[in-house]
């Protein structure tokens, strides 16, 4: 009967313990929200305003409905504006989502490292059945019970490791000479390195590097935003370019058709030779073939842009022609000289800033590798108070700790002489080589940036000159065509003159649109390469002023 009572009581205790443990489980949704708050707080703290607008970096869980939500404003035969294309690049493309997720994961890595330097609590519990010897014979021991253990631990910046813990156990004796009741054990310890690993820089290296990594990730993300936005806008401009080419090709064909229709009565009247009408017919066929080619280029480019923006291929969208008109009127000269552009790039390029800081990282790693060559000298301190000495049992506890009747103090020095530091010596040499390599990488990237900026500046200058030349050529060709058509009506111009004027006008318009496209994309690449492109929320952008880019007038 006694065993039955004990068993029922212990069963209730274990049931309570299991229920308590189940109640301590973490809610996944709450954990996700709390993690987001910590991660985004880390990113905001390390986001300098000069990088770009601190927007569009929060991750979203993938769902099939998300794509539909982003595309809800786009129906069949919708006009895709440049602003909408930039917005879709930020919200609807796989590349941008992956960049955001990589930034988030880097911040998570920092949280893992930060946690190493925080007070870390721990708690665990156990319950069960214990038996020693023969239950029916003399000296047999049998008990049911449970125990719990909790404590805290922290690594300080000085290298000190602080640990304290409390164990609590309850036991219900079924037989034997143990005593039922509650047993507690407390212990506190401190470990302090005195030589190797005692330098604050060494102790905090993992945290320092993690802090640097998230800064690099924020810079990389903003550099990605600059380059990705330029690629999207460039492809949008290319689609506009093909749209204008297709428009001019169609107008050219219609004009050739009109000229042919005007020449036919003149041939019948004997005022023009028949072969001239045949020449007009051949030119009309060539104009139609040119239109078919430009239409094919336009449709292909439209599919390319839809793929980049993650728009379904079956969606019918067209670019906004007003964007091209604004583009023709809004082309300006680069706001900087070549020397100022190089200075702006050296001040603003985020990838160059990362390369420089990584050189400092490599230098710090070499210093830490040198610290590892020192001897190990560690101080260990321990304190544990006495218990009442009663013969009790606690699951998982050291019997010596249970029976100790005096307080226990311990102070120890542990020395490990650097007799074998072969691996540490090799690591130090590796760190020195890595430092030299990173210094060369920074130097090479600096030279590459200078070359990119100088080329981008020259490309802009050449594209602007071509833009001005082709604009004037287009105006002159149009005037020539209009005059030649007037002269043909009064028989003062040959048909060949009219056909040539029309073809020249068509070619001039094509060359002008190509010059507009080349100059607009050259300007974008110039702003990208100098780091002067400042990305705003929703995929918008603006160009920094010379003063904000740190350029001396």
Protein backbone atom coordinates (compact mmCIF):
# COMPACT_ATOMS: atom_id res chain seq x y z
CA UNK A 1 0.00 0.00 0.00
CA UNK A 2 2.87 2.36 0.85
CA UNK A 3 4.53 1.73 -2.48
CA UNK A 4 1.25 2.45 -4.23
CA UNK A 5 0.91 5.81 -2.47
CA UNK A 6 4.50 6.75 -3.22
CA UNK A 7 4.12 5.73 -6.83
CA UNK A 8 0.94 7.76 -7.24
CA UNK A 9 2.53 10.80 -5.63
CA UNK A 10 5.63 10.60 -7.78
CA UNK A 11 3.55 10.06 -10.87
CA UNK A 12 1.74 13.29 -10.11
CA UNK A 13 5.07 15.06 -9.64
CA UNK A 14 6.41 13.81 -12.97
CA UNK A 15 3.13 14.72 -14.65
CA UNK A 16 3.42 18.24 -13.28
CA UNK A 17 7.05 18.43 -14.43
CA UNK A 18 6.15 17.28 -17.95
CA UNK A 19 3.32 19.81 -18.12
CA UNK A 20 5.66 22.59 -16.97
CA UNK A 21 8.21 21.68 -19.63
CA UNK A 22 5.52 21.62 -22.31
CA UNK A 23 4.39 25.06 -21.18
CA UNK A 24 7.90 26.38 -21.64
CA UNK A 25 7.88 25.63 -25.38
CA UNK A 26 8.32 28.67 -27.60
CA UNK A 27 5.62 29.96 -29.91
CA UNK A 28 7.08 29.95 -33.47
CA UNK A 29 5.12 33.01 -34.64
CA UNK A 30 6.12 35.04 -31.59
CA UNK A 31 9.75 33.95 -31.98
CA UNK A 32 9.71 35.04 -35.63
CA UNK A 33 8.34 38.49 -34.73
CA UNK A 34 10.87 38.98 -31.93
CA UNK A 35 13.73 37.93 -34.20
CA UNK A 36 12.56 40.37 -36.88
CA UNK A 37 12.52 43.22 -34.36
CA UNK A 38 16.10 42.49 -33.27
CA UNK A 39 17.42 42.04 -36.80
CA UNK A 40 15.82 45.18 -38.20
CA UNK A 41 17.02 47.17 -35.20
CA UNK A 42 20.59 46.02 -35.94
CA UNK A 43 20.27 47.01 -39.60
CA UNK A 44 18.82 50.43 -38.82
CA UNK A 45 21.62 51.16 -36.34
CA UNK A 46 24.27 50.45 -38.97
CA UNK A 47 22.54 52.07 -41.95
CA UNK A 48 24.21 55.35 -42.80
CA UNK A 49 21.97 57.82 -44.64
CA UNK A 50 24.65 58.31 -47.28
CA UNK A 51 24.19 54.68 -48.38
CA UNK A 52 20.64 55.25 -49.59
CA UNK A 53 17.14 55.35 -48.20
CA UNK A 54 16.68 52.88 -45.34
CA UNK A 55 13.73 51.25 -47.07
CA UNK A 56 12.81 48.11 -49.02
CA UNK A 57 15.02 45.76 -47.00
CA UNK A 58 12.42 43.87 -44.94
CA UNK A 59 11.90 40.29 -46.06
CA UNK A 60 8.52 38.82 -46.92
CA UNK A 61 7.47 35.16 -46.76
CA UNK A 62 6.89 33.69 -50.19
CA UNK A 63 3.34 32.96 -51.25
CA UNK A 64 1.67 32.56 -54.66
CA UNK A 65 -0.68 35.43 -53.78
CA UNK A 66 2.21 37.84 -53.20
CA UNK A 67 3.03 38.04 -56.90
CA UNK A 68 -0.61 38.68 -57.75
CA UNK A 69 -0.75 41.45 -55.15
CA UNK A 70 2.25 43.21 -56.66
CA UNK A 71 0.79 42.94 -60.15
CA UNK A 72 -2.77 43.91 -59.29
CA UNK A 73 -2.43 47.28 -61.06
CA UNK A 74 -1.33 45.62 -64.29
CA UNK A 75 -4.15 44.28 -66.42
CA UNK A 76 -4.29 43.44 -70.10
CA UNK A 77 -3.02 46.23 -72.36
CA UNK A 78 -1.68 48.13 -69.33
CA UNK A 79 0.87 50.91 -69.61
CA UNK A 80 4.01 50.11 -67.66
CA UNK A 81 5.54 53.35 -66.43
CA UNK A 82 9.17 53.65 -65.42
CA UNK A 83 8.16 54.24 -61.79
CA UNK A 84 6.05 51.07 -61.80
CA UNK A 85 8.90 49.08 -63.35
CA UNK A 86 11.28 50.31 -60.63
CA UNK A 87 8.71 49.44 -57.96
CA UNK A 88 8.29 45.92 -59.34
CA UNK A 89 12.08 45.52 -59.38
CA UNK A 90 12.08 46.12 -55.63
CA UNK A 91 8.97 44.17 -54.67
CA UNK A 92 8.53 41.43 -57.25
CA UNK A 93 11.91 40.19 -58.50
CA UNK A 94 13.74 37.12 -57.22
CA UNK A 95 17.14 38.83 -57.30
CA UNK A 96 16.03 41.64 -54.99
CA UNK A 97 14.35 39.25 -52.56
CA UNK A 98 17.51 37.13 -52.36
CA UNK A 99 19.59 40.25 -51.68
CA UNK A 100 17.26 41.18 -48.80
CA UNK A 101 17.40 37.67 -47.39
CA UNK A 102 21.20 37.63 -47.51
CA UNK A 103 21.27 40.92 -45.61
CA UNK A 104 18.88 39.48 -43.02
CA UNK A 105 20.96 36.31 -42.60
CA UNK A 106 24.12 38.36 -41.98
CA UNK A 107 22.30 40.24 -39.22
CA UNK A 108 21.25 36.90 -37.75
CA UNK A 109 24.90 35.84 -37.64
CA UNK A 110 25.66 38.98 -35.64
CA UNK A 111 22.90 38.11 -33.17
CA UNK A 112 24.44 34.67 -32.69
CA UNK A 113 27.79 36.24 -31.83
CA UNK A 114 26.28 38.94 -29.62
CA UNK A 115 24.58 36.25 -27.61
CA UNK A 116 27.98 34.80 -26.67
CA UNK A 117 28.72 38.00 -24.71
CA UNK A 118 25.34 38.23 -22.98
CA UNK A 119 24.10 36.68 -19.77
CA UNK A 120 23.03 33.22 -20.90
CA UNK A 121 20.47 31.45 -18.70
CA UNK A 122 19.99 27.73 -18.71
CA UNK A 123 17.45 25.44 -17.05
CA UNK A 124 16.78 21.75 -17.29
CA UNK A 125 14.90 19.10 -15.33
CA UNK A 126 14.86 15.33 -14.97
CA UNK A 127 12.61 12.85 -13.19
CA UNK A 128 12.70 9.11 -12.83
CA UNK A 129 13.23 5.96 -10.81
CA UNK A 130 16.46 4.84 -9.05
CA UNK A 131 17.36 1.51 -7.45
CA UNK A 132 20.49 0.10 -5.74
CA UNK A 133 20.98 -3.52 -4.64
CA UNK A 134 18.28 -6.07 -3.87
CA UNK A 135 15.02 -4.47 -2.80
CA UNK A 136 14.06 -7.44 -0.67
CA UNK A 137 17.46 -7.84 1.04
CA UNK A 138 19.31 -5.74 3.58
CA UNK A 139 20.71 -2.53 2.20
CA UNK A 140 18.39 -2.35 -0.79
CA UNK A 141 17.57 1.20 -1.87
CA UNK A 142 14.77 2.37 -4.09
CA UNK A 143 13.38 5.84 -4.79
CA UNK A 144 11.36 7.97 -7.18
CA UNK A 145 12.16 11.62 -7.68
CA UNK A 146 13.06 14.51 -9.86
CA UNK A 147 15.56 17.34 -10.05
CA UNK A 148 15.98 20.67 -11.76
CA UNK A 149 19.01 22.78 -12.53
CA UNK A 150 19.31 26.41 -13.53
CA UNK A 151 21.97 29.06 -13.78
CA UNK A 152 23.60 31.80 -15.82
CA UNK A 153 26.83 32.23 -17.77
CA UNK A 154 28.55 35.19 -19.38
CA UNK A 155 31.77 35.97 -21.25
CA UNK A 156 33.13 39.43 -20.42
CA UNK A 157 35.21 41.61 -22.70
CA UNK A 158 38.23 40.99 -20.47
CA UNK A 159 38.06 37.29 -21.25
CA UNK A 160 36.51 36.43 -17.89
CA UNK A 161 33.94 33.65 -17.91
CA UNK A 162 31.39 33.84 -15.09
CA UNK A 163 29.23 30.83 -14.29
CA UNK A 164 26.77 30.20 -11.48
CA UNK A 165 24.16 27.50 -11.03
CA UNK A 166 21.65 26.05 -8.60
CA UNK A 167 20.45 22.46 -8.60
CA UNK A 168 17.23 21.46 -6.83
CA UNK A 169 16.12 17.87 -6.37
CA UNK A 170 13.17 16.20 -4.70
CA UNK A 171 13.07 12.51 -3.80
CA UNK A 172 10.44 10.17 -2.36
CA UNK A 173 12.16 7.12 -0.83
CA UNK A 174 10.47 3.78 -1.33
CA UNK A 175 13.04 1.74 0.63
CA UNK A 176 16.58 2.06 1.99
CA UNK A 177 18.46 4.46 4.23
CA UNK A 178 18.12 7.65 2.11
CA UNK A 179 15.92 10.47 3.41
CA UNK A 180 12.97 11.90 1.56
CA UNK A 181 12.89 15.63 0.95
CA UNK A 182 14.45 18.50 -0.97
CA UNK A 183 18.16 18.85 -1.81
CA UNK A 184 19.89 21.98 -3.19
CA UNK A 185 23.39 22.51 -4.56
CA UNK A 186 24.83 25.94 -5.48
CA UNK A 187 28.09 26.65 -7.27
CA UNK A 188 29.76 29.76 -8.74
CA UNK A 189 32.94 29.83 -10.85
CA UNK A 190 35.13 32.40 -12.57
CA UNK A 191 37.78 31.77 -15.24
CA UNK A 192 40.20 34.53 -16.29
CA UNK A 193 43.01 34.19 -18.87
CA UNK A 194 46.09 36.23 -17.90
CA UNK A 195 48.36 35.92 -20.96
CA UNK A 196 47.10 34.40 -24.20
CA UNK A 197 43.51 35.42 -24.86
CA UNK A 198 43.46 38.12 -22.18
CA UNK A 199 43.62 41.09 -24.59
CA UNK A 200 40.23 42.77 -25.01
CA UNK A 201 40.77 42.87 -28.79
CA UNK A 202 41.25 39.10 -28.86
CA UNK A 203 38.25 38.36 -26.66
CA UNK A 204 35.95 40.57 -28.70
CA UNK A 205 37.28 39.53 -32.11
CA UNK A 206 34.26 37.37 -32.99
CA UNK A 207 31.92 40.25 -32.10
CA UNK A 208 34.08 42.84 -33.86
CA UNK A 209 34.19 40.81 -37.07
CA UNK A 210 30.46 40.15 -36.94
CA UNK A 211 29.85 43.89 -36.53
CA UNK A 212 32.05 44.56 -39.55
CA UNK A 213 30.33 41.85 -41.57
CA UNK A 214 26.92 43.42 -41.10
CA UNK A 215 28.34 46.82 -42.11
CA UNK A 216 29.74 45.17 -45.25
CA UNK A 217 26.38 43.52 -45.89
CA UNK A 218 24.53 46.84 -45.62
CA UNK A 219 26.99 48.46 -48.04
CA UNK A 220 26.81 45.50 -50.42
CA UNK A 221 23.02 45.63 -50.35
CA UNK A 222 22.96 49.31 -51.22
CA UNK A 223 25.58 48.82 -53.93
CA UNK A 224 23.39 46.02 -55.28
CA UNK A 225 20.41 48.39 -55.27
CA UNK A 226 22.37 50.89 -57.35
CA UNK A 227 23.57 48.39 -59.94
CA UNK A 228 20.29 46.46 -60.07
CA UNK A 229 18.24 49.61 -60.51
CA UNK A 230 20.52 50.79 -63.32
CA UNK A 231 20.13 47.44 -65.08
CA UNK A 232 16.32 47.60 -64.82
CA UNK A 233 16.11 51.19 -66.03
CA UNK A 234 18.55 50.44 -68.86
CA UNK A 235 16.36 47.58 -70.10
CA UNK A 236 13.28 49.78 -69.81
CA UNK A 237 15.00 52.46 -71.88
CA UNK A 238 16.02 49.78 -74.37
CA UNK A 239 12.38 48.76 -74.70
CA UNK A 240 11.43 52.39 -75.31
CA UNK A 241 14.20 52.61 -77.89
CA UNK A 242 12.88 49.60 -79.80
CA UNK A 243 9.37 50.99 -79.51
CA UNK A 244 10.48 54.24 -81.15
CA UNK A 245 12.44 52.31 -83.78
CA UNK A 246 9.33 50.31 -84.56
CA UNK A 247 7.26 53.49 -84.71
CA UNK A 248 9.66 55.18 -87.14
CA UNK A 249 9.89 51.99 -89.23
CA UNK A 250 6.12 51.87 -89.54
CA UNK A 251 5.96 55.57 -90.42
CA UNK A 252 8.73 55.03 -92.97
CA UNK A 253 6.80 52.22 -94.61
CA UNK A 254 3.59 54.28 -94.71
CA UNK A 255 5.51 57.20 -96.17
CA UNK A 256 7.07 54.98 -98.84
CA UNK A 257 3.60 53.65 -99.61
CA UNK A 258 2.30 57.21 -99.96
CA UNK A 259 5.18 58.18 -102.26
CA UNK A 260 4.54 55.10 -104.40
CA UNK A 261 0.87 55.99 -104.69
CA UNK A 262 1.77 59.55 -105.74
CA UNK A 263 4.27 58.33 -108.35
CA UNK A 264 1.92 55.86 -110.02
CA UNK A 265 -0.31 58.55 -111.72
CA UNK A 266 2.79 60.41 -112.84
CA UNK A 267 4.09 57.26 -114.56
CA UNK A 268 0.74 56.73 -116.26
CA UNK A 269 0.81 60.32 -117.44
CA UNK A 270 4.31 59.81 -118.83
CA UNK A 271 5.87 62.35 -116.52
CA UNK A 272 8.02 59.66 -114.79
CA UNK A 273 9.80 56.61 -116.18
CA UNK A 274 8.42 53.19 -115.28
CA UNK A 275 11.68 52.01 -113.76
CA UNK A 276 11.41 54.82 -111.20
CA UNK A 277 8.12 53.33 -109.99
CA UNK A 278 9.81 49.92 -109.77
CA UNK A 279 12.56 51.45 -107.64
CA UNK A 280 9.90 52.93 -105.36
CA UNK A 281 8.27 49.52 -105.11
CA UNK A 282 11.58 47.91 -104.06
CA UNK A 283 12.13 50.63 -101.44
CA UNK A 284 8.62 50.00 -100.15
CA UNK A 285 9.41 46.27 -99.72
CA UNK A 286 12.63 47.10 -97.88
CA UNK A 287 10.72 49.46 -95.57
CA UNK A 288 8.24 46.71 -94.71
CA UNK A 289 11.06 44.27 -94.01
CA UNK A 290 12.71 46.84 -91.71
CA UNK A 291 9.44 47.26 -89.84
CA UNK A 292 9.10 43.50 -89.34
CA UNK A 293 12.63 43.30 -87.92
CA UNK A 294 12.14 46.19 -85.47
CA UNK A 295 8.80 44.78 -84.36
CA UNK A 296 10.48 41.46 -83.61
CA UNK A 297 13.21 43.24 -81.61
CA UNK A 298 10.57 45.15 -79.67
CA UNK A 299 8.55 42.05 -78.76
CA UNK A 300 11.69 40.16 -77.73
CA UNK A 301 12.86 43.03 -75.52
CA UNK A 302 9.41 43.25 -73.95
CA UNK A 303 9.66 39.58 -72.97
CA UNK A 304 13.13 40.21 -71.52
CA UNK A 305 11.87 43.06 -69.35
CA UNK A 306 8.85 41.08 -68.20
CA UNK A 307 11.15 38.23 -67.20
CA UNK A 308 13.40 40.59 -65.25
CA UNK A 309 10.41 42.09 -63.41
CA UNK A 310 8.79 38.68 -62.83
CA UNK A 311 5.73 39.64 -64.87
CA UNK A 312 3.91 36.67 -66.48
CA UNK A 313 4.78 36.37 -70.14
CA UNK A 314 1.12 36.20 -71.10
CA UNK A 315 0.52 39.66 -69.60
CA UNK A 316 0.03 42.36 -72.21
CA UNK A 317 1.90 45.50 -71.17
CA UNK A 318 3.38 48.40 -73.09
CA UNK A 319 5.95 51.01 -72.03
CA UNK A 320 4.86 54.60 -71.55
CA UNK A 321 5.77 56.71 -74.60
CA UNK A 322 5.68 59.81 -72.40
CA UNK A 323 8.80 58.46 -70.67
CA UNK A 324 10.69 58.72 -73.96
CA UNK A 325 9.52 62.29 -74.54
CA UNK A 326 10.66 63.22 -71.03
CA UNK A 327 13.94 61.44 -71.66
CA UNK A 328 14.66 63.44 -74.81
CA UNK A 329 14.05 66.72 -72.98
CA UNK A 330 15.74 65.80 -69.71
CA UNK A 331 19.21 64.81 -70.90
CA UNK A 332 21.81 67.02 -69.24
CA UNK A 333 25.55 67.21 -69.06
CA UNK A 334 27.36 65.29 -66.27
CA UNK A 335 27.44 67.56 -63.20
CA UNK A 336 31.15 66.87 -62.55
CA UNK A 337 34.44 67.19 -64.33
CA UNK A 338 36.50 64.07 -64.87
CA UNK A 339 38.72 64.80 -61.87
CA UNK A 340 35.70 65.53 -59.67
CA UNK A 341 34.06 62.30 -60.83
CA UNK A 342 37.12 60.29 -59.75
CA UNK A 343 37.13 62.07 -56.38
CA UNK A 344 33.41 61.35 -55.91
CA UNK A 345 33.92 57.66 -56.66
CA UNK A 346 36.80 57.37 -54.19
CA UNK A 347 34.58 58.99 -51.55
CA UNK A 348 31.28 57.27 -52.34
CA UNK A 349 31.85 53.80 -53.79
CA UNK A 350 30.57 51.36 -51.19
CA UNK A 351 32.51 48.37 -52.53
CA UNK A 352 35.72 50.39 -52.26
CA UNK A 353 34.90 51.30 -48.65
CA UNK A 354 34.41 47.60 -47.89
CA UNK A 355 37.76 46.72 -49.44
CA UNK A 356 39.52 49.33 -47.31
CA UNK A 357 37.86 48.14 -44.09
CA UNK A 358 38.70 44.54 -44.89
CA UNK A 359 42.34 45.59 -45.00
CA UNK A 360 41.94 46.81 -41.41
CA UNK A 361 40.31 43.47 -40.56
CA UNK A 362 43.28 41.59 -41.98
CA UNK A 363 45.65 43.74 -39.95
CA UNK A 364 43.66 43.02 -36.79
CA UNK A 365 43.64 39.29 -37.57
CA UNK A 366 47.45 39.35 -37.79
CA UNK A 367 47.66 40.96 -34.35
CA UNK A 368 45.32 38.34 -32.91
CA UNK A 369 47.35 35.55 -34.51
CA UNK A 370 50.44 36.99 -32.81
CA UNK A 371 48.63 36.89 -29.46
CA UNK A 372 48.12 33.14 -29.91
CA UNK A 373 51.92 32.66 -29.68
CA UNK A 374 51.88 33.59 -25.98
CA UNK A 375 51.81 31.12 -23.09
CA UNK A 376 48.53 30.09 -21.49
CA UNK A 377 48.10 31.31 -17.91
CA UNK A 378 44.58 31.03 -16.52
CA UNK A 379 43.08 31.83 -13.12
CA UNK A 380 40.15 29.67 -11.98
CA UNK A 381 38.03 30.52 -8.93
CA UNK A 382 35.24 28.35 -7.48
CA UNK A 383 32.77 28.67 -4.61
CA UNK A 384 30.16 26.17 -3.42
CA UNK A 385 28.38 26.36 -0.02
CA UNK A 386 27.93 23.30 2.21
CA UNK A 387 24.70 21.36 2.56
CA UNK A 388 23.22 19.80 5.70
CA UNK A 389 25.10 16.52 5.23
CA UNK A 390 21.97 14.40 5.20
CA UNK A 391 22.10 11.30 3.06
CA UNK A 392 19.80 12.39 0.30
CA UNK A 393 19.76 11.59 -3.37
CA UNK A 394 19.43 13.99 -6.30
CA UNK A 395 19.37 12.72 -9.86
CA UNK A 396 22.56 13.52 -11.75
CA UNK A 397 24.30 15.17 -8.75
CA UNK A 398 27.84 14.45 -7.54
CA UNK A 399 27.59 12.36 -4.29
CA UNK A 400 30.57 14.26 -2.93
CA UNK A 401 28.68 17.54 -3.28
CA UNK A 402 25.63 16.06 -1.55
CA UNK A 403 27.58 14.93 1.52
CA UNK A 404 29.93 17.92 1.91
CA UNK A 405 29.38 19.78 5.25
CA UNK A 406 31.77 22.72 4.68
CA UNK A 407 31.90 25.59 2.22
CA UNK A 408 34.26 24.98 -0.65
CA UNK A 409 36.61 27.63 -2.08
CA UNK A 410 39.08 27.13 -4.91
CA UNK A 411 41.69 29.41 -6.49
CA UNK A 412 43.91 27.88 -9.17
CA UNK A 413 46.53 29.06 -11.66
CA UNK A 414 46.91 26.93 -14.78
CA UNK A 415 50.05 27.36 -16.88
CA UNK A 416 50.62 25.95 -20.36
CA UNK A 417 54.05 26.86 -21.72
CA UNK A 418 54.33 27.59 -25.47
CA UNK A 419 56.55 24.60 -26.15
CA UNK A 420 54.45 23.49 -29.12
CA UNK A 421 53.03 26.39 -31.09
CA UNK A 422 53.63 25.04 -34.60
CA UNK A 423 50.03 25.51 -35.66
CA UNK A 424 49.89 29.00 -34.13
CA UNK A 425 53.12 30.00 -35.90
CA UNK A 426 51.72 28.80 -39.21
CA UNK A 427 48.47 30.67 -38.60
CA UNK A 428 50.40 33.85 -37.87
CA UNK A 429 52.22 33.54 -41.18
CA UNK A 430 48.93 32.89 -42.94
CA UNK A 431 47.51 36.06 -41.39
CA UNK A 432 50.46 38.11 -42.63
CA UNK A 433 50.00 36.76 -46.16
CA UNK A 434 46.26 37.43 -46.00
CA UNK A 435 47.02 41.02 -44.95
CA UNK A 436 49.32 41.54 -47.94
CA UNK A 437 46.72 40.00 -50.27
CA UNK A 438 43.95 42.24 -48.96
CA UNK A 439 46.15 45.32 -49.34
CA UNK A 440 46.73 44.42 -52.97
CA UNK A 441 43.01 43.80 -53.48
CA UNK A 442 42.24 47.27 -52.17
CA UNK A 443 44.89 48.82 -54.39
CA UNK A 444 43.67 46.96 -57.46
CA UNK A 445 40.05 47.86 -56.80
CA UNK A 446 40.98 51.51 -56.35
CA UNK A 447 42.72 51.53 -59.74
CA UNK A 448 39.79 49.67 -61.31
CA UNK A 449 37.31 52.20 -59.94
CA UNK A 450 39.38 55.08 -61.33
CA UNK A 451 39.47 53.40 -64.76
CA UNK A 452 35.71 52.73 -64.68
CA UNK A 453 34.92 56.33 -63.81
CA UNK A 454 37.23 57.78 -66.45
CA UNK A 455 35.73 55.50 -69.10
CA UNK A 456 32.19 56.31 -67.96
CA UNK A 457 32.96 60.02 -68.16
CA UNK A 458 34.41 59.71 -71.67
CA UNK A 459 31.45 57.58 -72.75
CA UNK A 460 29.10 60.29 -71.49
CA UNK A 461 30.98 63.02 -73.28
CA UNK A 462 31.09 61.08 -76.55
CA UNK A 463 27.41 60.07 -76.28
CA UNK A 464 26.37 63.68 -75.66
CA UNK A 465 28.29 64.87 -78.70
CA UNK A 466 26.63 62.20 -80.84
CA UNK A 467 23.26 63.15 -79.37
CA UNK A 468 23.73 66.79 -80.38
CA UNK A 469 24.98 65.88 -83.87
CA UNK A 470 22.17 63.41 -84.55
CA UNK A 471 19.56 65.83 -83.26
CA UNK A 472 20.68 68.42 -85.78
CA UNK A 473 20.98 65.81 -88.53
CA UNK A 474 17.43 64.64 -87.82
CA UNK A 475 16.11 68.20 -88.12
CA UNK A 476 17.91 68.81 -91.42
CA UNK A 477 16.78 65.49 -92.91
CA UNK A 478 13.15 66.23 -92.04
CA UNK A 479 13.34 69.69 -93.65
CA UNK A 480 14.94 68.21 -96.77
CA UNK A 481 12.17 65.62 -97.06
CA UNK A 482 9.40 68.18 -96.77
CA UNK A 483 10.98 70.45 -99.44
CA UNK A 484 11.63 67.53 -101.80
CA UNK A 485 8.01 66.37 -101.55
CA UNK A 486 6.84 69.88 -102.41
CA UNK A 487 9.17 70.04 -105.44
CA UNK A 488 8.00 66.62 -106.68
CA UNK A 489 4.39 67.88 -106.77
CA UNK A 490 5.42 70.61 -109.22
CA UNK A 491 7.71 68.28 -111.21
CA UNK A 492 10.86 70.05 -110.05
CA UNK A 493 12.30 67.03 -108.18
CA UNK A 494 13.05 63.53 -109.40
CA UNK A 495 11.46 60.53 -107.76
CA UNK A 496 14.89 59.28 -106.79
CA UNK A 497 15.47 62.51 -104.87
CA UNK A 498 12.25 61.97 -102.95
CA UNK A 499 13.03 58.34 -102.17
CA UNK A 500 16.53 59.19 -101.02
CA UNK A 501 15.23 62.04 -98.86
CA UNK A 502 12.70 59.74 -97.20
CA UNK A 503 15.30 57.05 -96.51
CA UNK A 504 17.74 59.63 -95.15
CA UNK A 505 15.03 61.04 -92.88
CA UNK A 506 14.21 57.56 -91.62
CA UNK A 507 17.87 56.75 -90.97
CA UNK A 508 18.35 60.10 -89.21
CA UNK A 509 15.43 59.40 -86.86
CA UNK A 510 16.79 55.93 -86.11
CA UNK A 511 20.25 57.35 -85.42
CA UNK A 512 18.78 60.04 -83.17
CA UNK A 513 16.82 57.54 -81.08
CA UNK A 514 19.95 55.42 -80.74
CA UNK A 515 21.88 58.51 -79.60
CA UNK A 516 19.20 59.31 -77.01
CA UNK A 517 19.32 55.75 -75.68
CA UNK A 518 23.13 55.67 -75.61
CA UNK A 519 23.40 58.99 -73.82
CA UNK A 520 20.71 58.19 -71.24
CA UNK A 521 22.28 54.84 -70.36
CA UNK A 522 25.77 56.36 -70.34
CA UNK A 523 24.58 58.91 -67.78
CA UNK A 524 23.08 56.16 -65.61
CA UNK A 525 26.30 54.17 -65.71
CA UNK A 526 28.28 57.32 -64.88
CA UNK A 527 26.15 57.93 -61.78
CA UNK A 528 26.45 54.26 -60.85
CA UNK A 529 30.23 54.10 -61.25
CA UNK A 530 30.80 57.32 -59.31
CA UNK A 531 28.51 56.14 -56.49
CA UNK A 532 26.38 59.27 -56.85
CA UNK A 533 23.14 57.35 -57.40
CA UNK A 534 21.08 57.58 -54.20
CA UNK A 535 18.27 55.01 -54.12
CA UNK A 536 14.96 56.05 -52.61
CA UNK A 537 11.97 54.06 -51.41
CA UNK A 538 10.07 52.00 -53.96
CA UNK A 539 12.90 51.93 -56.49
CA UNK A 540 13.14 55.68 -57.00
CA UNK A 541 16.47 57.45 -57.20
CA UNK A 542 18.14 60.81 -57.27
CA UNK A 543 21.64 62.04 -58.08
CA UNK A 544 23.75 63.38 -55.24
CA UNK A 545 25.13 66.87 -55.49
CA UNK A 546 28.87 67.40 -55.70
CA UNK A 547 29.02 68.69 -52.12
CA UNK A 548 27.12 65.70 -50.73
CA UNK A 549 29.58 63.43 -52.56
CA UNK A 550 32.49 65.12 -50.79
CA UNK A 551 33.82 66.74 -53.98
CA UNK A 552 35.82 69.94 -53.71
CA UNK A 553 34.63 72.66 -56.11
